[in-house]
Every structure is written in C-alpha cells, then in structure tokens.
N, C-alpha and C. Protein backbone atom coordinates (compact mmCIF):
# COMPACT_ATOMS: atom_id res chain seq x y z
N UNK A 1 0.86 -1.16 0.00
CA UNK A 1 0.00 0.00 0.00
C UNK A 1 0.90 1.22 0.00
N UNK A 2 0.63 2.09 -0.92
CA UNK A 2 1.43 3.30 -1.03
C UNK A 2 0.98 4.36 -0.05
N UNK A 3 1.80 5.36 0.09
CA UNK A 3 1.49 6.45 1.02
C UNK A 3 0.25 7.22 0.58
N UNK A 4 0.08 7.39 -0.74
CA UNK A 4 -1.09 8.09 -1.26
C UNK A 4 -2.38 7.32 -0.96
N UNK A 5 -2.32 6.00 -1.13
CA UNK A 5 -3.49 5.17 -0.86
C UNK A 5 -3.83 5.20 0.62
N UNK A 6 -2.83 5.16 1.47
CA UNK A 6 -3.07 5.22 2.92
C UNK A 6 -3.67 6.56 3.30
N UNK A 7 -3.20 7.64 2.68
CA UNK A 7 -3.75 8.96 2.97
C UNK A 7 -5.19 9.07 2.49
N UNK A 8 -5.48 8.46 1.35
CA UNK A 8 -6.86 8.48 0.83
C UNK A 8 -7.80 7.72 1.75
N UNK A 9 -7.36 6.56 2.22
CA UNK A 9 -8.19 5.77 3.14
C UNK A 9 -8.39 6.55 4.43
N UNK A 10 -7.36 7.20 4.91
CA UNK A 10 -7.45 7.99 6.13
C UNK A 10 -8.41 9.15 5.95
N UNK A 11 -8.39 9.79 4.79
CA UNK A 11 -9.24 10.94 4.53
C UNK A 11 -10.70 10.55 4.40
N UNK A 12 -10.98 9.40 3.82
CA UNK A 12 -12.37 9.00 3.62
C UNK A 12 -12.96 8.34 4.85
N UNK A 13 -12.13 7.94 5.80
CA UNK A 13 -12.62 7.33 7.03
C UNK A 13 -12.93 5.85 6.89
N UNK A 14 -12.48 5.23 5.81
CA UNK A 14 -12.70 3.81 5.61
C UNK A 14 -11.68 3.04 6.42
N UNK A 15 -12.17 2.10 7.21
CA UNK A 15 -11.26 1.28 8.00
C UNK A 15 -11.42 -0.17 7.60
N UNK A 16 -10.40 -0.95 7.85
CA UNK A 16 -10.42 -2.37 7.54
C UNK A 16 -10.38 -3.12 8.85
N UNK A 17 -11.41 -3.91 9.09
CA UNK A 17 -11.51 -4.70 10.31
C UNK A 17 -10.77 -6.02 10.11
N UNK A 18 -9.94 -6.38 11.07
CA UNK A 18 -9.17 -7.61 10.96
C UNK A 18 -10.09 -8.82 10.89
N UNK A 19 -11.17 -8.82 11.63
CA UNK A 19 -12.13 -9.92 11.59
C UNK A 19 -12.77 -10.08 10.23
N UNK A 20 -13.09 -8.96 9.61
CA UNK A 20 -13.70 -8.99 8.27
C UNK A 20 -12.71 -9.55 7.24
N UNK A 21 -11.46 -9.13 7.34
CA UNK A 21 -10.44 -9.64 6.43
C UNK A 21 -10.27 -11.14 6.63
N UNK A 22 -10.27 -11.59 7.87
CA UNK A 22 -10.11 -13.02 8.17
C UNK A 22 -11.27 -13.82 7.60
N UNK A 23 -12.48 -13.35 7.79
CA UNK A 23 -13.65 -14.06 7.27
C UNK A 23 -13.61 -14.11 5.75
N UNK A 24 -13.24 -13.02 5.12
CA UNK A 24 -13.16 -13.01 3.65
C UNK A 24 -12.09 -13.97 3.16
N UNK A 25 -10.96 -14.02 3.85
CA UNK A 25 -9.89 -14.95 3.47
C UNK A 25 -10.37 -16.39 3.59
N UNK A 26 -11.06 -16.71 4.69
CA UNK A 26 -11.52 -18.07 4.90
C UNK A 26 -12.60 -18.46 3.90
N UNK A 27 -13.57 -17.57 3.65
CA UNK A 27 -14.68 -17.90 2.76
C UNK A 27 -14.30 -17.89 1.29
N UNK A 28 -13.50 -16.92 0.88
CA UNK A 28 -13.22 -16.76 -0.54
C UNK A 28 -11.85 -17.26 -0.95
N UNK A 29 -11.00 -17.64 -0.02
CA UNK A 29 -9.67 -18.12 -0.33
C UNK A 29 -9.45 -19.55 0.09
N UNK A 30 -9.50 -19.77 1.39
CA UNK A 30 -9.16 -21.08 1.92
C UNK A 30 -10.24 -22.13 1.63
N UNK A 31 -11.49 -21.79 1.81
CA UNK A 31 -12.56 -22.75 1.59
C UNK A 31 -12.61 -23.24 0.14
N UNK A 32 -12.58 -22.35 -0.86
CA UNK A 32 -12.56 -22.86 -2.24
C UNK A 32 -11.31 -23.68 -2.55
N UNK A 33 -10.17 -23.29 -1.99
CA UNK A 33 -8.95 -24.05 -2.29
C UNK A 33 -8.96 -25.42 -1.62
N UNK A 34 -9.79 -25.60 -0.62
CA UNK A 34 -9.94 -26.91 0.01
C UNK A 34 -11.06 -27.69 -0.66
N UNK A 35 -12.11 -27.01 -1.06
CA UNK A 35 -13.30 -27.65 -1.60
C UNK A 35 -13.07 -28.21 -3.01
N UNK A 36 -12.37 -27.48 -3.85
CA UNK A 36 -12.18 -27.91 -5.24
C UNK A 36 -11.39 -29.21 -5.35
N UNK A 37 -10.27 -29.40 -4.66
CA UNK A 37 -9.61 -30.70 -4.73
C UNK A 37 -10.46 -31.83 -4.14
N UNK A 38 -11.22 -31.53 -3.10
CA UNK A 38 -12.10 -32.54 -2.52
C UNK A 38 -13.19 -32.95 -3.51
N UNK A 39 -13.72 -31.99 -4.22
CA UNK A 39 -14.74 -32.27 -5.23
C UNK A 39 -14.14 -33.09 -6.37
N UNK A 40 -12.95 -32.74 -6.78
CA UNK A 40 -12.28 -33.51 -7.84
C UNK A 40 -11.99 -34.93 -7.38
N UNK A 41 -11.61 -35.10 -6.13
CA UNK A 41 -11.35 -36.43 -5.60
C UNK A 41 -12.63 -37.26 -5.57
N UNK A 42 -13.73 -36.63 -5.22
CA UNK A 42 -15.01 -37.32 -5.17
C UNK A 42 -15.49 -37.67 -6.58
N UNK A 43 -15.25 -36.78 -7.54
CA UNK A 43 -15.75 -36.99 -8.90
C UNK A 43 -14.95 -38.03 -9.66
N UNK A 44 -13.72 -38.27 -9.26
CA UNK A 44 -12.87 -39.23 -9.97
C UNK A 44 -12.50 -40.38 -9.03
N UNK A 45 -13.43 -41.30 -8.82
CA UNK A 45 -13.14 -42.40 -7.90
C UNK A 45 -12.12 -43.36 -8.50
N UNK A 46 -11.53 -44.14 -7.65
CA UNK A 46 -10.56 -45.12 -8.10
C UNK A 46 -9.43 -45.22 -7.11
N UNK A 47 -8.65 -46.23 -7.30
CA UNK A 47 -7.51 -46.43 -6.41
C UNK A 47 -6.44 -45.40 -6.70
N UNK A 48 -5.69 -45.02 -5.68
CA UNK A 48 -4.58 -44.11 -5.93
C UNK A 48 -3.55 -44.75 -6.86
N UNK A 49 -2.74 -43.95 -7.48
CA UNK A 49 -1.77 -44.44 -8.46
C UNK A 49 -0.84 -45.46 -7.81
N UNK A 50 -0.45 -45.25 -6.58
CA UNK A 50 0.47 -46.17 -5.92
C UNK A 50 -0.16 -47.55 -5.73
N UNK A 51 -1.47 -47.64 -5.66
CA UNK A 51 -2.14 -48.93 -5.50
C UNK A 51 -2.32 -49.66 -6.82
N UNK A 52 -2.23 -48.96 -7.94
CA UNK A 52 -2.42 -49.59 -9.24
C UNK A 52 -1.17 -50.31 -9.71
N UNK A 53 -0.01 -49.88 -9.25
CA UNK A 53 1.24 -50.50 -9.67
C UNK A 53 1.52 -51.71 -8.79
N UNK A 54 2.04 -52.77 -9.35
CA UNK A 54 2.37 -53.94 -8.54
C UNK A 54 3.56 -53.62 -7.62
N UNK A 55 3.59 -54.25 -6.48
CA UNK A 55 4.68 -54.06 -5.53
C UNK A 55 5.96 -54.68 -6.07
N UNK A 56 7.09 -54.09 -5.79
CA UNK A 56 8.35 -54.70 -6.26
C UNK A 56 8.60 -56.02 -5.54
N UNK A 57 9.18 -56.96 -6.27
CA UNK A 57 9.45 -58.28 -5.68
C UNK A 57 10.79 -58.27 -4.97
N UNK A 58 10.83 -58.92 -3.86
CA UNK A 58 12.10 -59.05 -3.12
C UNK A 58 12.89 -60.23 -3.68
N UNK A 59 14.20 -60.07 -3.87
CA UNK A 59 14.99 -61.19 -4.43
C UNK A 59 15.20 -62.32 -3.44
C-alpha cells in the first residue's frame, strides 16, 4: 500500500476490520482451495496411483 493510498483511506474514514479480512480470506480463499480438490477427488473415484502398480518383488 502506497502512502497516497493510505492517505486516501485515512481521509475517507474507511477502516479495515481484521475480523472482516479473516472471514473473507476463509470464505473466498481457503474454503474454495480446500473444496475444489475434494470435489475432484469425489468426482474421480478409483484407487490411488500407488495402489495400481504392482509391488516390487524381493529377491
């Protein structure tokens, strides 16, 4: 944030609440980044790649 932007925010009286920023981060950042891989995992069932390959034989 530049000095001009900080001065503008100060002049307009707009404040940023830490709780609001945290909720926005959780709802719009962390939740989608957790939900999308989970949805992809659910949509593509099957054994993991490591289970599809045969185990190496011991000599």
